[in-house]
Each structure stands twice: as C-alpha cells, then as structure tokens.
Amino acid sequence: MKRLSQFEKRFEPIDFLVLPDYSTFSNLPLWQQKEAVGKIALCGAFCKRFSTKAILPNVPFGKPSSFEFCTEWLEEGTDLFINVAGMVREKEDRYNTQQFIKYLVDNIKPRLIVAYTYSNRKSNERLFEYAVKNSVKVWVPNNWFLKLHKKESNYFI
C-alpha cells in the first residue's frame, strides 16, 4: 500500500497518463509483437485499477496482420496515443502506418489521436489524412526532437 500511495502522489499533478511504448516493429517475430501488446495492456489495467487519471493507450502496430491483436484490448471510442516516429522512413512502413490509422478510425473510432512524430507538418497531414477526413482530431504535441530541429509542434491537424 505504501508503494501505491507513492504512485498516486507522484502522478497527482498530471491530467492523464500515456501507457508505455513497447514497440512492435514489423520485422519482429509475431510472438514478440504479442508480448509487447500484452505488456501495454497489463500496464493499462494496472493504471485503470489504481489511478483516477485519464489513460491514453499507446497503441503499437507492425504489419497489417498485427492490427487486430494490437487493438483487441481497446474499447470503441477510446482516445489514444500513437508513436509514428521511425515508422515513416521506408515506403512500406509509411503505407502500413496509413493502413493502421485507417484501421483505428474504422474499428476503434477514436475522437482524438495524439501523435508522437519526428516528421514535419506536411508529412503528418498526409499520414493522418484519413483520420481527419473522418472527423478525428489529431494532435502533434511538443516534443524534444521537433524542438531540436526547429520543426513546428503542438498543433492539431
């Protein structure tokens, strides 16, 4: 109970929690991708049980064959966090990212996607075009990499 009260105290000034990122790179074996998703879901269950904060799931993905098990633990209408840094360099990865965003919009139906990205605004607008066309708000918050390279951040697409 002492650790639990420390947990509550530590996160008291925070409005919401983002679950950790256990990435499921497209080249990882399927069992490792499933293990990563399980870790995120377990962290989410813990936070939901022991915190009153809003929780943003950090949703991983790889190839289209992973989309279902990467999202099966999410409730419809869940606002979520997606890390697309490193997922837009290669043409196939960009395509998989766009397909995953489409899958999220069509199946999870989020109202908000918070996107952690290294890309510039124009690239992000192309990447999240389907979400925006379907009335999903996409927010690119400030992050150290964008600031370091003097790229625009903290905007809605």
N, C-alpha and C. Protein backbone atom coordinates (compact mmCIF):
# COMPACT_ATOMS: atom_id res chain seq x y z
N MET A 1 0.81 -1.20 0.00
CA MET A 1 0.00 0.00 0.00
C MET A 1 0.86 1.26 0.00
N LYS A 2 2.05 1.18 0.61
CA LYS A 2 2.93 2.34 0.63
C LYS A 2 3.34 2.71 -0.79
N ARG A 3 3.69 1.71 -1.61
CA ARG A 3 4.09 1.98 -2.99
C ARG A 3 2.93 2.56 -3.80
N LEU A 4 1.74 2.08 -3.51
CA LEU A 4 0.56 2.58 -4.22
C LEU A 4 0.32 4.05 -3.89
N SER A 5 0.49 4.43 -2.64
CA SER A 5 0.31 5.84 -2.29
C SER A 5 1.42 6.70 -2.91
N GLN A 6 2.62 6.14 -3.03
CA GLN A 6 3.71 6.86 -3.71
C GLN A 6 3.36 7.06 -5.19
N PHE A 7 2.78 6.03 -5.80
CA PHE A 7 2.35 6.10 -7.19
C PHE A 7 1.32 7.22 -7.36
N GLU A 8 0.32 7.24 -6.50
CA GLU A 8 -0.72 8.27 -6.58
C GLU A 8 -0.14 9.67 -6.38
N LYS A 9 0.75 9.81 -5.43
CA LYS A 9 1.34 11.11 -5.14
C LYS A 9 2.21 11.60 -6.31
N ARG A 10 2.96 10.69 -6.89
CA ARG A 10 3.85 11.03 -8.00
C ARG A 10 3.09 11.59 -9.20
N PHE A 11 1.93 11.05 -9.46
CA PHE A 11 1.16 11.45 -10.64
C PHE A 11 0.02 12.42 -10.32
N GLU A 12 -0.02 12.94 -9.12
CA GLU A 12 -1.08 13.85 -8.70
C GLU A 12 -1.23 15.08 -9.60
N PRO A 13 -0.15 15.77 -9.98
CA PRO A 13 -0.32 16.99 -10.79
C PRO A 13 -0.59 16.73 -12.28
N ILE A 14 -0.61 15.49 -12.68
CA ILE A 14 -0.76 15.15 -14.09
C ILE A 14 -2.23 14.89 -14.43
N ASP A 15 -2.67 15.38 -15.60
CA ASP A 15 -4.06 15.21 -16.01
C ASP A 15 -4.35 13.85 -16.64
N PHE A 16 -3.35 13.29 -17.33
CA PHE A 16 -3.57 11.99 -17.96
C PHE A 16 -2.26 11.21 -18.03
N LEU A 17 -2.39 9.91 -18.19
CA LEU A 17 -1.24 9.04 -18.31
C LEU A 17 -1.20 8.44 -19.71
N VAL A 18 -0.02 8.38 -20.30
CA VAL A 18 0.18 7.68 -21.57
C VAL A 18 0.86 6.37 -21.23
N LEU A 19 0.29 5.29 -21.70
CA LEU A 19 0.89 3.98 -21.42
C LEU A 19 2.23 3.85 -22.13
N PRO A 20 3.12 3.01 -21.61
CA PRO A 20 4.46 2.90 -22.19
C PRO A 20 4.44 2.35 -23.62
N ASP A 21 5.51 2.61 -24.32
CA ASP A 21 5.64 2.15 -25.70
C ASP A 21 6.53 0.91 -25.75
N TYR A 22 5.90 -0.23 -25.93
CA TYR A 22 6.62 -1.47 -26.21
C TYR A 22 6.40 -1.71 -27.70
N SER A 23 7.33 -1.26 -28.51
CA SER A 23 7.14 -1.25 -29.95
C SER A 23 6.99 -2.65 -30.54
N THR A 24 6.21 -2.72 -31.60
CA THR A 24 6.01 -3.97 -32.34
C THR A 24 6.47 -3.76 -33.76
N PHE A 25 7.75 -3.59 -33.94
CA PHE A 25 8.29 -3.35 -35.27
C PHE A 25 7.84 -4.45 -36.23
N SER A 26 7.66 -4.09 -37.48
CA SER A 26 7.13 -5.03 -38.46
C SER A 26 8.05 -6.22 -38.70
N ASN A 27 9.32 -6.10 -38.34
CA ASN A 27 10.24 -7.23 -38.56
C ASN A 27 10.40 -8.12 -37.33
N LEU A 28 9.68 -7.82 -36.24
CA LEU A 28 9.75 -8.67 -35.04
C LEU A 28 8.94 -9.93 -35.27
N PRO A 29 9.36 -11.05 -34.68
CA PRO A 29 8.53 -12.25 -34.74
C PRO A 29 7.17 -11.99 -34.08
N LEU A 30 6.17 -12.69 -34.55
CA LEU A 30 4.80 -12.48 -34.08
C LEU A 30 4.68 -12.63 -32.57
N TRP A 31 5.38 -13.61 -31.97
CA TRP A 31 5.26 -13.81 -30.54
C TRP A 31 5.79 -12.61 -29.76
N GLN A 32 6.84 -11.95 -30.27
CA GLN A 32 7.36 -10.77 -29.58
C GLN A 32 6.41 -9.58 -29.72
N GLN A 33 5.74 -9.47 -30.86
CA GLN A 33 4.75 -8.42 -31.03
C GLN A 33 3.60 -8.62 -30.04
N LYS A 34 3.14 -9.86 -29.91
CA LYS A 34 2.04 -10.14 -28.97
C LYS A 34 2.46 -9.90 -27.52
N GLU A 35 3.71 -10.24 -27.20
CA GLU A 35 4.23 -9.99 -25.85
C GLU A 35 4.24 -8.49 -25.56
N ALA A 36 4.67 -7.69 -26.52
CA ALA A 36 4.71 -6.24 -26.34
C ALA A 36 3.31 -5.68 -26.09
N VAL A 37 2.33 -6.12 -26.87
CA VAL A 37 0.95 -5.67 -26.70
C VAL A 37 0.43 -6.08 -25.32
N GLY A 38 0.77 -7.29 -24.90
CA GLY A 38 0.36 -7.76 -23.57
C GLY A 38 0.91 -6.89 -22.45
N LYS A 39 2.15 -6.47 -22.58
CA LYS A 39 2.75 -5.59 -21.56
C LYS A 39 2.02 -4.26 -21.48
N ILE A 40 1.68 -3.70 -22.63
CA ILE A 40 0.96 -2.42 -22.64
C ILE A 40 -0.41 -2.59 -22.00
N ALA A 41 -1.11 -3.66 -22.39
CA ALA A 41 -2.45 -3.90 -21.83
C ALA A 41 -2.38 -4.12 -20.32
N LEU A 42 -1.36 -4.82 -19.85
CA LEU A 42 -1.19 -5.05 -18.41
C LEU A 42 -0.95 -3.73 -17.67
N CYS A 43 -0.09 -2.88 -18.23
CA CYS A 43 0.14 -1.55 -17.63
C CYS A 43 -1.16 -0.75 -17.60
N GLY A 44 -1.94 -0.85 -18.67
CA GLY A 44 -3.22 -0.15 -18.73
C GLY A 44 -4.18 -0.63 -17.67
N ALA A 45 -4.25 -1.95 -17.47
CA ALA A 45 -5.14 -2.50 -16.44
C ALA A 45 -4.71 -2.02 -15.05
N PHE A 46 -3.40 -1.99 -14.80
CA PHE A 46 -2.90 -1.51 -13.51
C PHE A 46 -3.28 -0.05 -13.29
N CYS A 47 -3.03 0.78 -14.31
CA CYS A 47 -3.33 2.21 -14.18
C CYS A 47 -4.82 2.45 -13.99
N LYS A 48 -5.62 1.71 -14.71
CA LYS A 48 -7.08 1.85 -14.60
C LYS A 48 -7.57 1.46 -13.21
N ARG A 49 -6.93 0.44 -12.64
CA ARG A 49 -7.33 -0.06 -11.33
C ARG A 49 -6.89 0.88 -10.21
N PHE A 50 -5.70 1.47 -10.34
CA PHE A 50 -5.12 2.21 -9.23
C PHE A 50 -4.96 3.71 -9.47
N SER A 51 -5.58 4.23 -10.51
CA SER A 51 -5.45 5.66 -10.76
C SER A 51 -6.79 6.22 -11.22
N THR A 52 -7.02 7.46 -10.89
CA THR A 52 -8.24 8.13 -11.34
C THR A 52 -7.96 9.00 -12.57
N LYS A 53 -6.74 8.98 -13.05
CA LYS A 53 -6.35 9.80 -14.21
C LYS A 53 -6.92 9.21 -15.49
N ALA A 54 -7.09 10.08 -16.48
CA ALA A 54 -7.45 9.60 -17.82
C ALA A 54 -6.25 8.85 -18.37
N ILE A 55 -6.49 7.76 -19.06
CA ILE A 55 -5.42 6.92 -19.58
C ILE A 55 -5.48 6.90 -21.10
N LEU A 56 -4.37 7.29 -21.72
CA LEU A 56 -4.25 7.21 -23.18
C LEU A 56 -3.45 5.98 -23.53
N PRO A 57 -4.09 4.98 -24.16
CA PRO A 57 -3.33 3.81 -24.59
C PRO A 57 -2.31 4.21 -25.65
N ASN A 58 -1.13 3.68 -25.54
CA ASN A 58 -0.09 3.86 -26.54
C ASN A 58 -0.19 2.63 -27.44
N VAL A 59 -0.75 2.80 -28.61
CA VAL A 59 -1.11 1.66 -29.45
C VAL A 59 0.01 1.34 -30.44
N PRO A 60 0.61 0.15 -30.30
CA PRO A 60 1.68 -0.25 -31.21
C PRO A 60 1.10 -0.91 -32.46
N PHE A 61 1.92 -1.10 -33.46
CA PHE A 61 1.49 -1.82 -34.65
C PHE A 61 2.70 -2.24 -35.45
N GLY A 62 2.50 -3.15 -36.35
CA GLY A 62 3.54 -3.61 -37.26
C GLY A 62 2.94 -3.70 -38.64
N LYS A 63 2.88 -4.91 -39.16
CA LYS A 63 2.26 -5.14 -40.46
C LYS A 63 0.76 -5.32 -40.26
N PRO A 64 -0.02 -5.23 -41.35
CA PRO A 64 -1.48 -5.38 -41.23
C PRO A 64 -1.93 -6.65 -40.50
N SER A 65 -1.15 -7.70 -40.54
CA SER A 65 -1.52 -8.94 -39.83
C SER A 65 -1.51 -8.75 -38.31
N SER A 66 -0.90 -7.68 -37.81
CA SER A 66 -0.84 -7.43 -36.37
C SER A 66 -1.94 -6.49 -35.88
N PHE A 67 -2.65 -5.84 -36.78
CA PHE A 67 -3.57 -4.78 -36.38
C PHE A 67 -4.64 -5.26 -35.41
N GLU A 68 -5.22 -6.43 -35.65
CA GLU A 68 -6.30 -6.90 -34.80
C GLU A 68 -5.83 -7.15 -33.37
N PHE A 69 -4.74 -7.91 -33.20
CA PHE A 69 -4.32 -8.19 -31.82
C PHE A 69 -3.70 -6.96 -31.15
N CYS A 70 -3.24 -5.99 -31.93
CA CYS A 70 -2.71 -4.76 -31.33
C CYS A 70 -3.82 -3.87 -30.76
N THR A 71 -5.04 -4.09 -31.21
CA THR A 71 -6.15 -3.21 -30.80
C THR A 71 -7.28 -3.94 -30.08
N GLU A 72 -7.21 -5.26 -29.95
CA GLU A 72 -8.34 -6.01 -29.40
C GLU A 72 -8.65 -5.65 -27.95
N TRP A 73 -7.74 -5.05 -27.25
CA TRP A 73 -7.94 -4.68 -25.85
C TRP A 73 -8.49 -3.26 -25.69
N LEU A 74 -8.69 -2.55 -26.79
CA LEU A 74 -9.18 -1.18 -26.75
C LEU A 74 -10.71 -1.14 -26.85
N GLU A 75 -11.31 -0.23 -26.13
CA GLU A 75 -12.75 -0.03 -26.22
C GLU A 75 -13.05 0.95 -27.35
N GLU A 76 -14.19 0.78 -27.98
CA GLU A 76 -14.60 1.69 -29.05
C GLU A 76 -14.72 3.10 -28.49
N GLY A 77 -14.24 4.07 -29.27
CA GLY A 77 -14.31 5.47 -28.86
C GLY A 77 -13.15 5.92 -27.98
N THR A 78 -12.18 5.04 -27.74
CA THR A 78 -11.03 5.37 -26.90
C THR A 78 -10.14 6.41 -27.58
N ASP A 79 -9.82 7.48 -26.87
CA ASP A 79 -8.79 8.41 -27.34
C ASP A 79 -7.46 7.69 -27.16
N LEU A 80 -6.52 7.91 -28.08
CA LEU A 80 -5.30 7.12 -27.99
C LEU A 80 -4.07 7.88 -28.44
N PHE A 81 -2.95 7.28 -28.13
CA PHE A 81 -1.62 7.81 -28.43
C PHE A 81 -0.98 6.86 -29.43
N ILE A 82 -0.34 7.39 -30.44
CA ILE A 82 0.34 6.54 -31.42
C ILE A 82 1.72 7.11 -31.70
N ASN A 83 2.71 6.26 -31.66
CA ASN A 83 4.08 6.66 -31.92
C ASN A 83 4.42 6.28 -33.36
N VAL A 84 4.55 7.28 -34.21
CA VAL A 84 4.89 7.01 -35.61
C VAL A 84 6.33 7.39 -35.93
N ALA A 85 7.08 7.77 -34.91
CA ALA A 85 8.49 8.09 -35.11
C ALA A 85 9.20 6.82 -35.56
N GLY A 86 9.95 6.91 -36.61
CA GLY A 86 10.65 5.75 -37.12
C GLY A 86 9.80 4.85 -38.00
N MET A 87 8.52 5.17 -38.16
CA MET A 87 7.62 4.34 -38.98
C MET A 87 7.30 5.00 -40.31
N VAL A 88 8.03 6.02 -40.68
CA VAL A 88 7.70 6.73 -41.92
C VAL A 88 8.89 6.89 -42.87
N ARG A 89 10.00 6.29 -42.54
CA ARG A 89 11.18 6.44 -43.41
C ARG A 89 11.06 5.62 -44.68
N GLU A 90 10.65 4.39 -44.55
CA GLU A 90 10.54 3.48 -45.69
C GLU A 90 9.13 3.53 -46.25
N LYS A 91 9.02 3.36 -47.55
CA LYS A 91 7.73 3.41 -48.23
C LYS A 91 6.74 2.39 -47.65
N GLU A 92 7.20 1.16 -47.42
CA GLU A 92 6.32 0.12 -46.87
C GLU A 92 5.84 0.49 -45.47
N ASP A 93 6.73 1.04 -44.64
CA ASP A 93 6.34 1.45 -43.29
C ASP A 93 5.31 2.58 -43.32
N ARG A 94 5.51 3.56 -44.21
CA ARG A 94 4.52 4.64 -44.35
C ARG A 94 3.16 4.07 -44.74
N TYR A 95 3.18 3.15 -45.70
CA TYR A 95 1.93 2.52 -46.15
C TYR A 95 1.27 1.77 -44.98
N ASN A 96 2.05 0.98 -44.23
CA ASN A 96 1.50 0.25 -43.09
C ASN A 96 0.94 1.21 -42.03
N THR A 97 1.63 2.33 -41.83
CA THR A 97 1.15 3.32 -40.86
C THR A 97 -0.18 3.90 -41.30
N GLN A 98 -0.30 4.27 -42.56
CA GLN A 98 -1.56 4.79 -43.07
C GLN A 98 -2.67 3.75 -42.98
N GLN A 99 -2.35 2.50 -43.25
CA GLN A 99 -3.35 1.43 -43.15
C GLN A 99 -3.78 1.22 -41.69
N PHE A 100 -2.82 1.36 -40.77
CA PHE A 100 -3.16 1.21 -39.36
C PHE A 100 -4.05 2.35 -38.89
N ILE A 101 -3.76 3.55 -39.32
CA ILE A 101 -4.60 4.70 -38.96
C ILE A 101 -6.01 4.48 -39.48
N LYS A 102 -6.13 4.01 -40.71
CA LYS A 102 -7.44 3.70 -41.28
C LYS A 102 -8.15 2.62 -40.45
N TYR A 103 -7.40 1.59 -40.06
CA TYR A 103 -7.96 0.51 -39.24
C TYR A 103 -8.47 1.06 -37.90
N LEU A 104 -7.67 1.93 -37.27
CA LEU A 104 -8.09 2.54 -36.00
C LEU A 104 -9.37 3.33 -36.17
N VAL A 105 -9.41 4.18 -37.18
CA VAL A 105 -10.58 5.03 -37.41
C VAL A 105 -11.83 4.19 -37.67
N ASP A 106 -11.70 3.16 -38.48
CA ASP A 106 -12.84 2.33 -38.86
C ASP A 106 -13.29 1.38 -37.75
N ASN A 107 -12.38 0.94 -36.89
CA ASN A 107 -12.73 -0.07 -35.89
C ASN A 107 -12.79 0.43 -34.46
N ILE A 108 -11.89 1.30 -34.07
CA ILE A 108 -11.87 1.82 -32.70
C ILE A 108 -12.67 3.12 -32.60
N LYS A 109 -12.71 3.87 -33.68
CA LYS A 109 -13.46 5.12 -33.75
C LYS A 109 -13.05 6.13 -32.67
N PRO A 110 -11.75 6.44 -32.60
CA PRO A 110 -11.31 7.41 -31.60
C PRO A 110 -11.79 8.82 -31.95
N ARG A 111 -11.94 9.65 -30.93
CA ARG A 111 -12.24 11.06 -31.16
C ARG A 111 -10.95 11.85 -31.31
N LEU A 112 -9.88 11.34 -30.67
CA LEU A 112 -8.60 12.03 -30.63
C LEU A 112 -7.47 11.03 -30.79
N ILE A 113 -6.50 11.37 -31.64
CA ILE A 113 -5.26 10.64 -31.73
C ILE A 113 -4.14 11.63 -31.41
N VAL A 114 -3.35 11.31 -30.40
CA VAL A 114 -2.17 12.10 -30.08
C VAL A 114 -1.00 11.40 -30.76
N ALA A 115 -0.30 12.12 -31.63
CA ALA A 115 0.74 11.51 -32.45
C ALA A 115 2.13 11.99 -32.05
N TYR A 116 2.97 11.05 -31.64
CA TYR A 116 4.37 11.37 -31.40
C TYR A 116 5.09 11.12 -32.71
N THR A 117 5.73 12.14 -33.24
CA THR A 117 6.34 12.02 -34.56
C THR A 117 7.57 12.88 -34.67
N TYR A 118 8.43 12.52 -35.62
CA TYR A 118 9.60 13.33 -35.96
C TYR A 118 9.35 14.12 -37.23
N SER A 119 8.26 13.83 -37.91
CA SER A 119 8.02 14.38 -39.25
C SER A 119 7.55 15.83 -39.21
N ASN A 120 7.66 16.49 -40.35
CA ASN A 120 7.18 17.86 -40.45
C ASN A 120 5.66 17.86 -40.62
N ARG A 121 5.07 19.03 -40.53
CA ARG A 121 3.62 19.16 -40.55
C ARG A 121 2.99 18.60 -41.83
N LYS A 122 3.59 18.91 -42.97
CA LYS A 122 3.04 18.45 -44.24
C LYS A 122 3.00 16.91 -44.31
N SER A 123 4.06 16.28 -43.88
CA SER A 123 4.10 14.81 -43.85
C SER A 123 3.05 14.24 -42.91
N ASN A 124 2.88 14.88 -41.76
CA ASN A 124 1.88 14.42 -40.80
C ASN A 124 0.47 14.59 -41.36
N GLU A 125 0.24 15.68 -42.07
CA GLU A 125 -1.08 15.88 -42.67
C GLU A 125 -1.40 14.78 -43.67
N ARG A 126 -0.42 14.38 -44.46
CA ARG A 126 -0.63 13.27 -45.41
C ARG A 126 -0.86 11.96 -44.66
N LEU A 127 -0.07 11.72 -43.63
CA LEU A 127 -0.15 10.47 -42.88
C LEU A 127 -1.51 10.30 -42.20
N PHE A 128 -2.03 11.37 -41.63
CA PHE A 128 -3.28 11.30 -40.87
C PHE A 128 -4.49 11.82 -41.65
N GLU A 129 -4.36 11.93 -42.94
CA GLU A 129 -5.43 12.47 -43.79
C GLU A 129 -6.75 11.71 -43.61
N TYR A 130 -6.71 10.40 -43.58
CA TYR A 130 -7.93 9.60 -43.44
C TYR A 130 -8.63 9.88 -42.11
N ALA A 131 -7.85 10.00 -41.05
CA ALA A 131 -8.42 10.28 -39.73
C ALA A 131 -9.11 11.63 -39.72
N VAL A 132 -8.45 12.64 -40.24
CA VAL A 132 -9.00 14.00 -40.25
C VAL A 132 -10.27 14.05 -41.10
N LYS A 133 -10.26 13.38 -42.25
CA LYS A 133 -11.46 13.34 -43.11
C LYS A 133 -12.64 12.67 -42.43
N ASN A 134 -12.35 11.84 -41.43
CA ASN A 134 -13.40 11.15 -40.69
C ASN A 134 -13.64 11.77 -39.31
N SER A 135 -13.33 13.06 -39.20
CA SER A 135 -13.64 13.87 -38.02
C SER A 135 -12.89 13.45 -36.75
N VAL A 136 -11.72 12.85 -36.91
CA VAL A 136 -10.89 12.53 -35.75
C VAL A 136 -9.89 13.67 -35.59
N LYS A 137 -9.80 14.20 -34.38
CA LYS A 137 -8.81 15.24 -34.11
C LYS A 137 -7.45 14.55 -33.94
N VAL A 138 -6.44 15.14 -34.57
CA VAL A 138 -5.08 14.62 -34.45
C VAL A 138 -4.21 15.73 -33.90
N TRP A 139 -3.57 15.46 -32.77
CA TRP A 139 -2.74 16.45 -32.10
C TRP A 139 -1.29 15.99 -32.12
N VAL A 140 -0.41 16.86 -32.56
CA VAL A 140 1.03 16.63 -32.51
C VAL A 140 1.58 17.53 -31.41
N PRO A 141 1.84 16.96 -30.22
CA PRO A 141 2.30 17.79 -29.10
C PRO A 141 3.77 18.17 -29.25
N ASN A 142 4.19 19.09 -28.39
CA ASN A 142 5.61 19.43 -28.34
C ASN A 142 6.41 18.19 -28.02
N ASN A 143 7.55 18.04 -28.65
CA ASN A 143 8.48 17.01 -28.23
C ASN A 143 9.90 17.50 -28.50
N TRP A 144 10.84 16.94 -27.80
CA TRP A 144 12.22 17.44 -27.84
C TRP A 144 12.83 17.35 -29.23
N PHE A 145 12.50 16.32 -30.00
CA PHE A 145 13.12 16.17 -31.31
C PHE A 145 12.66 17.27 -32.26
N LEU A 146 11.36 17.56 -32.27
CA LEU A 146 10.85 18.62 -33.14
C LEU A 146 11.44 19.97 -32.74
N LYS A 147 11.55 20.23 -31.44
CA LYS A 147 12.14 21.49 -30.98
C LYS A 147 13.61 21.58 -31.38
N LEU A 148 14.34 20.48 -31.20
CA LEU A 148 15.76 20.45 -31.52
C LEU A 148 16.00 20.80 -32.99
N HIS A 149 15.14 20.32 -33.87
CA HIS A 149 15.31 20.55 -35.30
C HIS A 149 14.44 21.69 -35.82
N LYS A 150 13.93 22.48 -34.88
CA LYS A 150 13.15 23.68 -35.21
C LYS A 150 11.98 23.39 -36.16
N LYS A 151 11.33 22.25 -35.91
CA LYS A 151 10.14 21.90 -36.68
C LYS A 151 8.92 22.29 -35.85
N GLU A 152 7.86 22.62 -36.52
CA GLU A 152 6.64 23.03 -35.85
C GLU A 152 6.08 21.86 -35.02
N SER A 153 5.56 22.20 -33.84
CA SER A 153 4.92 21.20 -32.99
C SER A 153 3.80 21.87 -32.21
N ASN A 154 3.10 21.06 -31.45
CA ASN A 154 1.97 21.50 -30.65
C ASN A 154 0.86 22.09 -31.52
N TYR A 155 0.38 21.28 -32.43
CA TYR A 155 -0.71 21.71 -33.32
C TYR A 155 -1.68 20.57 -33.59
N PHE A 156 -2.88 20.97 -33.96
CA PHE A 156 -3.88 20.00 -34.43
C PHE A 156 -3.85 19.98 -35.94
N ILE A 157 -4.01 18.80 -36.50
CA ILE A 157 -4.08 18.67 -37.95
C ILE A 157 -5.54 18.84 -38.36
